[in-house]
Every structure is written in structure tokens, then in C-alpha cells.
């Protein structure tokens, strides 16, 4: 398979250039991607801290106690 100057196959190079040029020439897209990344950060980082506490870490002191509790919940729900 022929390779381009940077070592990538031509099809992959064309796809890469398509997206690279598209993202480079965006005007509104950069702001929209910023909003999307900010929302993802809020959902996965901040909300997780407040609404999904680590109950096993809080209620059990050792890994053995945690694993016993999980196994018991799986076997006898």
C-alpha cells in the first residue's frame, strides 16, 4: 500500500485532512464544541461528586467487606 510523506496510507490521510481543515475553518463550530465539552465536564465531573457518592467506600472499611457485600447483593437481591 502506498504511503504519503507523513507515513499514513492515502485514505487515512484524506480523512484526516478533511476533518483537520474542517475544524480549522470553523467559526461557530468552535463555540459549539466548547459548549459541548463544558456540558460533558459538568455532567461527568461535578454532578458525579454531588449525586453519586461512593457508598461502598463510605460504608465499608476494607476491600473484603465491599466484595462480600456486592456478592451478597448479587446472589440475594
N, C-alpha and C. Protein backbone atom coordinates (compact mmCIF):
# COMPACT_ATOMS: atom_id res chain seq x y z
N UNK A 1 0.84 -1.17 0.00
CA UNK A 1 0.00 0.00 0.00
C UNK A 1 0.89 1.24 0.00
N UNK A 2 0.65 2.17 -0.89
CA UNK A 2 1.50 3.37 -0.93
C UNK A 2 1.26 4.25 0.30
N UNK A 3 2.28 4.96 0.68
CA UNK A 3 2.20 5.83 1.86
C UNK A 3 2.43 7.27 1.42
N UNK A 4 1.87 8.19 2.19
CA UNK A 4 2.10 9.61 1.94
C UNK A 4 3.40 10.02 2.62
N UNK A 5 3.74 11.28 2.51
CA UNK A 5 5.01 11.76 3.08
C UNK A 5 5.07 11.60 4.60
N UNK A 6 3.93 11.70 5.28
CA UNK A 6 3.95 11.58 6.74
C UNK A 6 3.76 10.15 7.22
N UNK A 7 3.74 9.16 6.32
CA UNK A 7 3.70 7.77 6.69
C UNK A 7 2.32 7.16 6.79
N UNK A 8 1.26 7.95 6.59
CA UNK A 8 -0.10 7.42 6.67
C UNK A 8 -0.54 6.91 5.31
N UNK A 9 -1.39 5.89 5.27
CA UNK A 9 -1.97 5.47 3.99
C UNK A 9 -2.81 6.60 3.40
N UNK A 10 -2.95 6.66 2.08
CA UNK A 10 -3.65 7.79 1.44
C UNK A 10 -5.09 7.99 1.91
N UNK A 11 -5.84 6.91 2.13
CA UNK A 11 -7.24 7.08 2.55
C UNK A 11 -7.32 7.71 3.93
N UNK A 12 -6.50 7.22 4.84
CA UNK A 12 -6.48 7.79 6.20
C UNK A 12 -6.02 9.24 6.16
N UNK A 13 -5.05 9.53 5.32
CA UNK A 13 -4.56 10.89 5.18
C UNK A 13 -5.65 11.81 4.65
N UNK A 14 -6.44 11.36 3.70
CA UNK A 14 -7.53 12.17 3.16
C UNK A 14 -8.60 12.44 4.23
N UNK A 15 -8.93 11.41 4.99
CA UNK A 15 -9.92 11.58 6.05
C UNK A 15 -9.39 12.55 7.11
N UNK A 16 -8.14 12.39 7.51
CA UNK A 16 -7.53 13.28 8.49
C UNK A 16 -7.54 14.72 7.99
N UNK A 17 -7.13 14.93 6.75
CA UNK A 17 -7.09 16.29 6.18
C UNK A 17 -8.49 16.90 6.11
N UNK A 18 -9.50 16.08 5.77
CA UNK A 18 -10.87 16.56 5.69
C UNK A 18 -11.31 17.14 7.04
N UNK A 19 -11.11 16.37 8.13
CA UNK A 19 -11.53 16.84 9.44
C UNK A 19 -10.62 17.96 9.95
N UNK A 20 -9.35 17.88 9.69
CA UNK A 20 -8.42 18.92 10.14
C UNK A 20 -8.77 20.26 9.51
N UNK A 21 -8.98 20.25 8.19
CA UNK A 21 -9.35 21.50 7.51
C UNK A 21 -10.72 21.99 7.96
N UNK A 22 -11.64 21.06 8.18
CA UNK A 22 -12.98 21.45 8.63
C UNK A 22 -12.96 22.11 9.99
N UNK A 23 -12.25 21.53 10.95
CA UNK A 23 -12.18 22.12 12.28
C UNK A 23 -11.38 23.42 12.28
N UNK A 24 -10.40 23.52 11.44
CA UNK A 24 -9.58 24.72 11.40
C UNK A 24 -10.37 25.90 10.85
N UNK A 25 -11.27 25.66 9.91
CA UNK A 25 -12.00 26.74 9.26
C UNK A 25 -13.35 27.04 9.90
N UNK A 26 -13.65 26.42 11.02
CA UNK A 26 -14.94 26.65 11.69
C UNK A 26 -14.99 28.04 12.31
N UNK A 27 -16.19 28.60 12.34
CA UNK A 27 -16.39 29.85 13.09
C UNK A 27 -17.30 29.56 14.28
N UNK A 28 -18.54 29.19 14.03
CA UNK A 28 -19.47 28.86 15.10
C UNK A 28 -19.14 27.51 15.74
N UNK A 29 -18.54 26.64 14.97
CA UNK A 29 -18.27 25.29 15.46
C UNK A 29 -17.38 25.27 16.69
N UNK A 30 -16.42 26.14 16.77
CA UNK A 30 -15.53 26.16 17.94
C UNK A 30 -16.29 26.50 19.20
N UNK A 31 -17.20 27.47 19.10
CA UNK A 31 -18.00 27.82 20.27
C UNK A 31 -18.92 26.67 20.65
N UNK A 32 -19.52 26.02 19.66
CA UNK A 32 -20.41 24.90 19.95
C UNK A 32 -19.65 23.73 20.59
N UNK A 33 -18.46 23.42 20.07
CA UNK A 33 -17.66 22.36 20.67
C UNK A 33 -17.25 22.73 22.09
N UNK A 34 -16.98 24.00 22.33
CA UNK A 34 -16.66 24.45 23.69
C UNK A 34 -17.83 24.23 24.63
N UNK A 35 -19.04 24.55 24.17
CA UNK A 35 -20.24 24.35 24.98
C UNK A 35 -20.45 22.86 25.25
N UNK A 36 -20.28 22.03 24.22
CA UNK A 36 -20.44 20.58 24.37
C UNK A 36 -19.45 20.04 25.40
N UNK A 37 -18.18 20.42 25.30
CA UNK A 37 -17.17 19.93 26.24
C UNK A 37 -17.44 20.43 27.66
N UNK A 38 -17.91 21.66 27.80
CA UNK A 38 -18.25 22.20 29.11
C UNK A 38 -19.41 21.41 29.73
N UNK A 39 -20.43 21.12 28.94
CA UNK A 39 -21.57 20.34 29.44
C UNK A 39 -21.14 18.93 29.85
N UNK A 40 -20.28 18.30 29.05
CA UNK A 40 -19.79 16.97 29.40
C UNK A 40 -18.99 17.00 30.71
N UNK A 41 -18.17 18.02 30.87
CA UNK A 41 -17.41 18.17 32.11
C UNK A 41 -18.35 18.32 33.30
N UNK A 42 -19.37 19.15 33.15
CA UNK A 42 -20.32 19.35 34.25
C UNK A 42 -21.04 18.05 34.57
N UNK A 43 -21.48 17.33 33.54
CA UNK A 43 -22.23 16.09 33.78
C UNK A 43 -21.38 15.03 34.45
N UNK A 44 -20.16 14.84 33.98
CA UNK A 44 -19.37 13.72 34.46
C UNK A 44 -18.49 14.04 35.66
N UNK A 45 -18.11 15.25 35.84
CA UNK A 45 -17.21 15.58 36.94
C UNK A 45 -17.95 16.17 38.14
N UNK A 46 -18.70 17.22 37.90
CA UNK A 46 -19.31 17.94 39.01
C UNK A 46 -20.54 17.23 39.55
N UNK A 47 -21.45 16.81 38.66
CA UNK A 47 -22.67 16.15 39.14
C UNK A 47 -22.37 14.82 39.82
N UNK A 48 -21.34 14.14 39.36
CA UNK A 48 -20.96 12.86 39.98
C UNK A 48 -20.57 13.05 41.45
N UNK A 49 -19.91 14.15 41.75
CA UNK A 49 -19.49 14.40 43.12
C UNK A 49 -20.67 14.58 44.07
N UNK A 50 -21.73 15.24 43.59
CA UNK A 50 -22.85 15.58 44.46
C UNK A 50 -23.96 14.53 44.48
N UNK A 51 -24.21 13.87 43.35
CA UNK A 51 -25.37 12.98 43.26
C UNK A 51 -25.03 11.50 43.28
N UNK A 52 -23.77 11.15 43.12
CA UNK A 52 -23.39 9.74 43.09
C UNK A 52 -22.22 9.49 44.03
N UNK A 53 -22.47 9.54 45.34
CA UNK A 53 -21.36 9.30 46.28
C UNK A 53 -20.92 7.85 46.25
N UNK A 54 -19.70 7.61 46.66
CA UNK A 54 -19.15 6.26 46.70
C UNK A 54 -19.62 5.58 47.99
N UNK A 55 -20.76 4.92 47.90
CA UNK A 55 -21.39 4.33 49.08
C UNK A 55 -20.55 3.19 49.64
N UNK A 56 -19.98 2.37 48.79
CA UNK A 56 -19.15 1.27 49.29
C UNK A 56 -17.94 1.78 50.05
N UNK A 57 -17.34 2.84 49.56
CA UNK A 57 -16.18 3.43 50.25
C UNK A 57 -16.59 4.00 51.60
N UNK A 58 -17.79 4.58 51.65
CA UNK A 58 -18.26 5.21 52.87
C UNK A 58 -18.69 4.20 53.93
N UNK A 59 -19.37 3.14 53.51
CA UNK A 59 -19.98 2.20 54.46
C UNK A 59 -19.09 1.03 54.86
N UNK A 60 -18.07 0.73 54.08
CA UNK A 60 -17.23 -0.43 54.37
C UNK A 60 -15.77 0.01 54.44
N UNK A 61 -15.02 -0.65 55.32
CA UNK A 61 -13.65 -0.21 55.58
C UNK A 61 -12.59 -0.96 54.79
N UNK A 62 -12.90 -2.17 54.31
CA UNK A 62 -11.88 -2.93 53.59
C UNK A 62 -12.45 -3.45 52.28
N UNK A 63 -11.56 -3.84 51.40
CA UNK A 63 -11.98 -4.40 50.11
C UNK A 63 -12.73 -5.71 50.30
N UNK A 64 -12.35 -6.47 51.30
CA UNK A 64 -13.02 -7.75 51.56
C UNK A 64 -14.48 -7.52 51.96
N UNK A 65 -14.72 -6.54 52.83
CA UNK A 65 -16.10 -6.23 53.22
C UNK A 65 -16.92 -5.76 52.02
N UNK A 66 -16.32 -4.93 51.19
CA UNK A 66 -17.01 -4.44 49.99
C UNK A 66 -17.36 -5.59 49.06
N UNK A 67 -16.40 -6.46 48.80
CA UNK A 67 -16.65 -7.57 47.88
C UNK A 67 -17.69 -8.53 48.44
N UNK A 68 -17.67 -8.77 49.76
CA UNK A 68 -18.69 -9.63 50.37
C UNK A 68 -20.08 -9.02 50.22
N UNK A 69 -20.19 -7.74 50.43
CA UNK A 69 -21.47 -7.06 50.29
C UNK A 69 -21.99 -7.12 48.85
N UNK A 70 -21.13 -6.86 47.90
CA UNK A 70 -21.54 -6.90 46.49
C UNK A 70 -21.95 -8.31 46.10
N UNK A 71 -21.18 -9.31 46.52
CA UNK A 71 -21.51 -10.70 46.21
C UNK A 71 -22.86 -11.08 46.84
N UNK A 72 -23.09 -10.64 48.06
CA UNK A 72 -24.36 -10.94 48.72
C UNK A 72 -25.54 -10.27 47.98
N UNK A 73 -25.34 -9.05 47.51
CA UNK A 73 -26.40 -8.36 46.78
C UNK A 73 -26.67 -9.00 45.43
N UNK A 74 -25.67 -9.55 44.81
CA UNK A 74 -25.85 -10.21 43.51
C UNK A 74 -26.58 -11.54 43.69
N UNK A 75 -26.20 -12.30 44.71
CA UNK A 75 -26.79 -13.61 44.93
C UNK A 75 -28.20 -13.49 45.51
N UNK A 76 -28.37 -12.63 46.52
CA UNK A 76 -29.67 -12.47 47.18
C UNK A 76 -30.12 -11.00 47.07
N UNK A 77 -30.68 -10.62 45.94
CA UNK A 77 -31.06 -9.19 45.79
C UNK A 77 -32.22 -8.79 46.68
